[in-house]
Amino acid sequence: MPDRAGTPLRCHQNDELDFVCQVRTVNVTGMASWTFLSNHAHVLLCVAADPDRTLHDIAERVGITERGVQLILADLIAEGYLERERVGRRNHYKIHPEGRLRHPLEAHHRVADLVAALGAEPATPA
């Protein structure tokens, strides 16, 4: 199955009956690249840096579509990592720093540890 850039995705089913896909991204020079963090972590760090960021801004920073950001935010809210509050026509997000990371290798760490270790990127002035 190709992604939107035409790079093939390799998918397999793991022991928990969830599908795991390995995605190859392409950097500016056209070379294949990868990152240590998932898009969920990237979105969470964007929200930590500025809880009032728009979907468009988060999507640009992470390098995914606005729809992708919507789905990730819905996941994070459903699992209790974030709360969404409507403020006028915009959303404000509140992180629950006590939430535990999901993978068994990192489950002894909290969301606050992730944000503290990687440092939330400061908001850029409008």
N, C-alpha and C. Protein backbone atom coordinates (compact mmCIF):
# COMPACT_ATOMS: atom_id res chain seq x y z
N MET A 1 0.85 -1.17 0.00
CA MET A 1 0.00 0.00 0.00
C MET A 1 0.90 1.24 0.00
N PRO A 2 0.77 2.17 -0.97
CA PRO A 2 1.63 3.35 -1.00
C PRO A 2 1.07 4.47 -0.14
N ASP A 3 1.98 5.30 0.38
CA ASP A 3 1.52 6.49 1.09
C ASP A 3 1.31 7.60 0.07
N ARG A 4 1.00 8.82 0.54
CA ARG A 4 0.65 9.87 -0.41
C ARG A 4 1.83 10.29 -1.28
N ALA A 5 3.07 10.00 -0.85
CA ALA A 5 4.24 10.34 -1.66
C ALA A 5 4.64 9.18 -2.55
N GLY A 6 3.89 8.07 -2.48
CA GLY A 6 4.19 6.92 -3.32
C GLY A 6 5.19 5.96 -2.71
N THR A 7 5.64 6.23 -1.49
CA THR A 7 6.57 5.34 -0.82
C THR A 7 5.79 4.19 -0.22
N PRO A 8 6.20 2.94 -0.48
CA PRO A 8 5.43 1.81 0.04
C PRO A 8 5.43 1.76 1.56
N LEU A 9 4.32 1.33 2.10
CA LEU A 9 4.20 1.07 3.52
C LEU A 9 4.28 -0.44 3.73
N ARG A 10 5.00 -0.86 4.73
CA ARG A 10 5.03 -2.28 5.05
C ARG A 10 4.21 -2.49 6.30
N CYS A 11 3.15 -3.27 6.19
CA CYS A 11 2.26 -3.49 7.31
C CYS A 11 2.25 -4.96 7.70
N HIS A 12 2.15 -5.22 8.98
CA HIS A 12 2.00 -6.58 9.47
C HIS A 12 1.16 -6.54 10.74
N GLN A 13 0.62 -7.68 11.10
CA GLN A 13 -0.22 -7.77 12.28
C GLN A 13 0.64 -8.25 13.43
N ASN A 14 0.60 -7.53 14.57
CA ASN A 14 1.41 -7.96 15.71
C ASN A 14 0.60 -8.87 16.62
N ASP A 15 1.20 -9.29 17.74
CA ASP A 15 0.57 -10.26 18.63
C ASP A 15 -0.74 -9.77 19.24
N GLU A 16 -0.90 -8.46 19.35
CA GLU A 16 -2.11 -7.92 19.97
C GLU A 16 -3.20 -7.66 18.94
N LEU A 17 -3.05 -8.18 17.73
CA LEU A 17 -4.01 -8.04 16.65
C LEU A 17 -4.19 -6.59 16.21
N ASP A 18 -3.19 -5.76 16.47
CA ASP A 18 -3.18 -4.41 15.95
C ASP A 18 -2.29 -4.41 14.71
N PHE A 19 -2.57 -3.54 13.78
CA PHE A 19 -1.73 -3.45 12.61
C PHE A 19 -0.61 -2.46 12.85
N VAL A 20 0.57 -2.83 12.49
CA VAL A 20 1.74 -1.99 12.63
C VAL A 20 2.27 -1.70 11.24
N CYS A 21 2.45 -0.44 10.92
CA CYS A 21 2.96 -0.05 9.61
C CYS A 21 4.27 0.69 9.77
N GLN A 22 5.22 0.35 8.95
CA GLN A 22 6.47 1.07 8.91
C GLN A 22 6.39 2.04 7.75
N VAL A 23 6.54 3.31 8.04
CA VAL A 23 6.40 4.35 7.03
C VAL A 23 7.77 4.96 6.78
N ARG A 24 8.12 5.09 5.54
CA ARG A 24 9.34 5.78 5.15
C ARG A 24 8.97 7.19 4.75
N THR A 25 9.66 8.16 5.31
CA THR A 25 9.43 9.54 4.93
C THR A 25 10.59 10.00 4.06
N VAL A 26 10.37 11.06 3.34
CA VAL A 26 11.41 11.58 2.46
C VAL A 26 11.76 12.98 2.93
N ASN A 27 13.07 13.23 3.15
CA ASN A 27 13.48 14.56 3.59
C ASN A 27 13.71 15.47 2.39
N VAL A 28 14.16 16.67 2.64
CA VAL A 28 14.30 17.67 1.60
C VAL A 28 15.25 17.22 0.49
N THR A 29 16.28 16.47 0.83
CA THR A 29 17.25 16.06 -0.18
C THR A 29 16.77 14.83 -0.96
N GLY A 30 15.60 14.29 -0.62
CA GLY A 30 15.06 13.13 -1.33
C GLY A 30 15.54 11.81 -0.76
N MET A 31 16.34 11.84 0.28
CA MET A 31 16.83 10.61 0.90
C MET A 31 15.77 10.11 1.90
N ALA A 32 15.63 8.80 2.01
CA ALA A 32 14.70 8.24 2.97
C ALA A 32 15.18 8.57 4.38
N SER A 33 14.26 8.86 5.28
CA SER A 33 14.61 9.19 6.65
C SER A 33 13.58 8.58 7.60
N TRP A 34 13.88 8.67 8.87
CA TRP A 34 12.96 8.21 9.90
C TRP A 34 13.18 9.04 11.14
N THR A 35 12.26 8.96 12.08
CA THR A 35 12.39 9.71 13.33
C THR A 35 12.21 8.77 14.51
N PHE A 36 12.71 9.19 15.66
CA PHE A 36 12.59 8.38 16.87
C PHE A 36 11.20 8.47 17.48
N LEU A 37 10.47 9.52 17.19
CA LEU A 37 9.16 9.72 17.81
C LEU A 37 8.04 9.52 16.81
N SER A 38 6.90 9.09 17.32
CA SER A 38 5.71 8.91 16.48
C SER A 38 5.05 10.27 16.23
N ASN A 39 4.13 10.30 15.30
CA ASN A 39 3.37 11.52 15.06
C ASN A 39 2.54 11.89 16.29
N HIS A 40 2.10 10.89 17.05
CA HIS A 40 1.36 11.18 18.28
C HIS A 40 2.24 11.98 19.24
N ALA A 41 3.49 11.59 19.38
CA ALA A 41 4.41 12.32 20.27
C ALA A 41 4.66 13.72 19.72
N HIS A 42 4.84 13.83 18.41
CA HIS A 42 5.07 15.15 17.82
C HIS A 42 3.88 16.08 18.07
N VAL A 43 2.68 15.59 17.88
CA VAL A 43 1.48 16.41 18.10
C VAL A 43 1.40 16.80 19.58
N LEU A 44 1.65 15.85 20.46
CA LEU A 44 1.61 16.14 21.90
C LEU A 44 2.62 17.22 22.27
N LEU A 45 3.81 17.15 21.71
CA LEU A 45 4.83 18.16 22.00
C LEU A 45 4.43 19.53 21.45
N CYS A 46 3.79 19.57 20.29
CA CYS A 46 3.30 20.84 19.74
C CYS A 46 2.26 21.45 20.66
N VAL A 47 1.35 20.63 21.16
CA VAL A 47 0.31 21.11 22.07
C VAL A 47 0.94 21.56 23.39
N ALA A 48 1.95 20.85 23.86
CA ALA A 48 2.62 21.24 25.10
C ALA A 48 3.26 22.61 24.96
N ALA A 49 3.81 22.88 23.78
CA ALA A 49 4.47 24.16 23.55
C ALA A 49 3.47 25.30 23.45
N ASP A 50 2.32 25.02 22.87
CA ASP A 50 1.30 26.06 22.69
C ASP A 50 -0.08 25.41 22.62
N PRO A 51 -0.81 25.40 23.74
CA PRO A 51 -2.11 24.73 23.80
C PRO A 51 -3.18 25.35 22.90
N ASP A 52 -2.88 26.49 22.31
CA ASP A 52 -3.85 27.17 21.45
C ASP A 52 -3.49 27.08 19.97
N ARG A 53 -2.51 26.28 19.62
CA ARG A 53 -2.11 26.14 18.20
C ARG A 53 -3.26 25.60 17.38
N THR A 54 -3.32 26.02 16.14
CA THR A 54 -4.38 25.54 15.24
C THR A 54 -3.97 24.19 14.65
N LEU A 55 -4.97 23.47 14.15
CA LEU A 55 -4.69 22.19 13.48
C LEU A 55 -3.74 22.41 12.30
N HIS A 56 -3.97 23.49 11.59
CA HIS A 56 -3.13 23.80 10.43
C HIS A 56 -1.67 23.97 10.84
N ASP A 57 -1.43 24.72 11.90
CA ASP A 57 -0.07 24.96 12.37
C ASP A 57 0.59 23.66 12.84
N ILE A 58 -0.16 22.86 13.59
CA ILE A 58 0.39 21.58 14.07
C ILE A 58 0.70 20.68 12.88
N ALA A 59 -0.20 20.62 11.93
CA ALA A 59 0.01 19.78 10.74
C ALA A 59 1.28 20.18 10.00
N GLU A 60 1.49 21.48 9.83
CA GLU A 60 2.70 21.95 9.15
C GLU A 60 3.96 21.58 9.91
N ARG A 61 3.93 21.74 11.22
CA ARG A 61 5.10 21.45 12.05
C ARG A 61 5.43 19.96 12.06
N VAL A 62 4.41 19.12 12.13
CA VAL A 62 4.62 17.67 12.20
C VAL A 62 4.88 17.08 10.82
N GLY A 63 4.30 17.71 9.80
CA GLY A 63 4.47 17.20 8.44
C GLY A 63 3.43 16.18 8.04
N ILE A 64 2.21 16.37 8.59
CA ILE A 64 1.09 15.49 8.26
C ILE A 64 -0.10 16.37 7.89
N THR A 65 -1.19 15.75 7.49
CA THR A 65 -2.38 16.51 7.11
C THR A 65 -3.14 16.99 8.34
N GLU A 66 -4.00 17.98 8.13
CA GLU A 66 -4.85 18.46 9.22
C GLU A 66 -5.76 17.34 9.71
N ARG A 67 -6.25 16.51 8.79
CA ARG A 67 -7.09 15.37 9.18
C ARG A 67 -6.30 14.41 10.06
N GLY A 68 -5.04 14.20 9.73
CA GLY A 68 -4.17 13.35 10.56
C GLY A 68 -4.04 13.91 11.96
N VAL A 69 -3.88 15.22 12.08
CA VAL A 69 -3.80 15.87 13.39
C VAL A 69 -5.11 15.68 14.14
N GLN A 70 -6.26 15.85 13.46
CA GLN A 70 -7.56 15.65 14.10
C GLN A 70 -7.67 14.25 14.69
N LEU A 71 -7.28 13.25 13.91
CA LEU A 71 -7.37 11.86 14.37
C LEU A 71 -6.45 11.61 15.56
N ILE A 72 -5.25 12.16 15.51
CA ILE A 72 -4.30 11.98 16.62
C ILE A 72 -4.82 12.68 17.87
N LEU A 73 -5.32 13.90 17.73
CA LEU A 73 -5.88 14.60 18.89
C LEU A 73 -7.05 13.82 19.48
N ALA A 74 -7.89 13.24 18.62
CA ALA A 74 -9.02 12.42 19.11
C ALA A 74 -8.50 11.23 19.90
N ASP A 75 -7.43 10.59 19.41
CA ASP A 75 -6.81 9.47 20.14
C ASP A 75 -6.32 9.92 21.51
N LEU A 76 -5.57 11.03 21.52
CA LEU A 76 -5.00 11.53 22.77
C LEU A 76 -6.07 11.94 23.77
N ILE A 77 -7.17 12.50 23.28
CA ILE A 77 -8.28 12.88 24.15
C ILE A 77 -8.99 11.63 24.67
N ALA A 78 -9.25 10.68 23.78
CA ALA A 78 -9.96 9.44 24.18
C ALA A 78 -9.18 8.65 25.22
N GLU A 79 -7.86 8.70 25.15
CA GLU A 79 -7.02 7.95 26.09
C GLU A 79 -6.68 8.75 27.35
N GLY A 80 -7.18 9.99 27.45
CA GLY A 80 -7.00 10.78 28.66
C GLY A 80 -5.70 11.55 28.75
N TYR A 81 -4.99 11.68 27.64
CA TYR A 81 -3.73 12.44 27.65
C TYR A 81 -3.98 13.94 27.48
N LEU A 82 -5.09 14.29 26.86
CA LEU A 82 -5.45 15.69 26.60
C LEU A 82 -6.91 15.92 26.91
N GLU A 83 -7.24 17.18 27.17
CA GLU A 83 -8.62 17.66 27.25
C GLU A 83 -8.76 18.78 26.24
N ARG A 84 -9.91 18.86 25.61
CA ARG A 84 -10.17 19.94 24.66
C ARG A 84 -11.26 20.85 25.24
N GLU A 85 -10.99 22.14 25.21
CA GLU A 85 -11.98 23.13 25.65
C GLU A 85 -12.20 24.12 24.52
N ARG A 86 -13.44 24.36 24.21
CA ARG A 86 -13.79 25.31 23.16
C ARG A 86 -13.70 26.73 23.73
N VAL A 87 -12.93 27.60 23.07
CA VAL A 87 -12.81 29.00 23.48
C VAL A 87 -13.16 29.83 22.26
N GLY A 88 -14.39 30.33 22.23
CA GLY A 88 -14.85 31.05 21.05
C GLY A 88 -14.92 30.09 19.87
N ARG A 89 -14.21 30.42 18.79
CA ARG A 89 -14.20 29.57 17.60
C ARG A 89 -12.99 28.64 17.58
N ARG A 90 -12.17 28.68 18.60
CA ARG A 90 -10.94 27.90 18.62
C ARG A 90 -10.96 26.88 19.75
N ASN A 91 -10.01 25.97 19.69
CA ASN A 91 -9.85 24.97 20.74
C ASN A 91 -8.63 25.29 21.58
N HIS A 92 -8.74 25.01 22.86
CA HIS A 92 -7.62 25.10 23.80
C HIS A 92 -7.44 23.69 24.36
N TYR A 93 -6.21 23.23 24.39
CA TYR A 93 -5.94 21.87 24.86
C TYR A 93 -5.20 21.92 26.19
N LYS A 94 -5.54 20.99 27.06
CA LYS A 94 -4.87 20.87 28.35
C LYS A 94 -4.26 19.47 28.42
N ILE A 95 -2.98 19.41 28.68
CA ILE A 95 -2.28 18.13 28.79
C ILE A 95 -2.45 17.59 30.21
N HIS A 96 -2.62 16.28 30.31
CA HIS A 96 -2.63 15.60 31.61
C HIS A 96 -1.24 15.00 31.79
N PRO A 97 -0.37 15.73 32.49
CA PRO A 97 1.04 15.33 32.58
C PRO A 97 1.27 14.03 33.35
N GLU A 98 0.29 13.59 34.11
CA GLU A 98 0.45 12.37 34.90
C GLU A 98 0.24 11.10 34.06
N GLY A 99 -0.26 11.25 32.84
CA GLY A 99 -0.51 10.09 31.98
C GLY A 99 0.78 9.31 31.73
N ARG A 100 0.66 8.00 31.72
CA ARG A 100 1.81 7.11 31.48
C ARG A 100 1.98 6.86 29.99
N LEU A 101 3.23 6.75 29.54
CA LEU A 101 3.49 6.41 28.15
C LEU A 101 2.99 4.99 27.91
N ARG A 102 2.59 4.70 26.68
CA ARG A 102 1.85 3.47 26.39
C ARG A 102 2.69 2.22 26.20
N HIS A 103 3.86 2.34 25.62
CA HIS A 103 4.65 1.15 25.33
C HIS A 103 5.25 0.60 26.62
N PRO A 104 5.27 -0.73 26.78
CA PRO A 104 5.81 -1.32 28.01
C PRO A 104 7.24 -0.86 28.35
N LEU A 105 8.05 -0.58 27.36
CA LEU A 105 9.42 -0.13 27.63
C LEU A 105 9.46 1.27 28.24
N GLU A 106 8.43 2.08 28.00
CA GLU A 106 8.40 3.44 28.53
C GLU A 106 7.29 3.67 29.55
N ALA A 107 6.55 2.63 29.91
CA ALA A 107 5.37 2.79 30.76
C ALA A 107 5.70 3.35 32.14
N HIS A 108 6.95 3.28 32.56
CA HIS A 108 7.33 3.84 33.85
C HIS A 108 7.56 5.35 33.77
N HIS A 109 7.43 5.92 32.57
CA HIS A 109 7.55 7.38 32.38
C HIS A 109 6.19 8.01 32.18
N ARG A 110 6.09 9.25 32.59
CA ARG A 110 4.87 10.02 32.42
C ARG A 110 4.99 10.96 31.22
N VAL A 111 3.87 11.48 30.78
CA VAL A 111 3.85 12.48 29.71
C VAL A 111 4.73 13.66 30.11
N ALA A 112 4.66 14.06 31.37
CA ALA A 112 5.48 15.18 31.86
C ALA A 112 6.97 14.90 31.65
N ASP A 113 7.38 13.64 31.81
CA ASP A 113 8.79 13.28 31.60
C ASP A 113 9.18 13.47 30.14
N LEU A 114 8.30 13.07 29.23
CA LEU A 114 8.56 13.22 27.80
C LEU A 114 8.71 14.70 27.44
N VAL A 115 7.78 15.51 27.90
CA VAL A 115 7.81 16.94 27.59
C VAL A 115 9.05 17.59 28.22
N ALA A 116 9.36 17.21 29.45
CA ALA A 116 10.53 17.79 30.12
C ALA A 116 11.83 17.37 29.43
N ALA A 117 11.90 16.12 29.02
CA ALA A 117 13.13 15.62 28.39
C ALA A 117 13.37 16.24 27.03
N LEU A 118 12.31 16.40 26.27
CA LEU A 118 12.48 16.91 24.91
C LEU A 118 12.25 18.41 24.81
N GLY A 119 11.74 18.98 25.86
CA GLY A 119 11.52 20.42 25.88
C GLY A 119 10.53 20.83 24.81
N ALA A 120 9.42 21.33 25.23
CA ALA A 120 8.42 21.80 24.28
C ALA A 120 9.01 22.97 23.49
N GLU A 121 8.86 22.91 22.19
CA GLU A 121 9.32 23.99 21.33
C GLU A 121 8.50 25.24 21.64
N PRO A 122 9.16 26.37 21.86
CA PRO A 122 8.38 27.59 22.17
C PRO A 122 7.52 28.00 20.98
N ALA A 123 6.42 28.64 21.31
CA ALA A 123 5.51 29.13 20.27
C ALA A 123 6.19 30.20 19.46
N THR A 124 5.90 30.22 18.18
CA THR A 124 6.45 31.27 17.32
C THR A 124 5.48 32.44 17.32
N PRO A 125 5.98 33.65 17.34
CA PRO A 125 5.07 34.80 17.37
C PRO A 125 4.27 34.88 16.06
N ALA A 126 3.04 35.31 16.19
CA ALA A 126 2.15 35.41 15.02
C ALA A 126 2.47 36.61 14.16
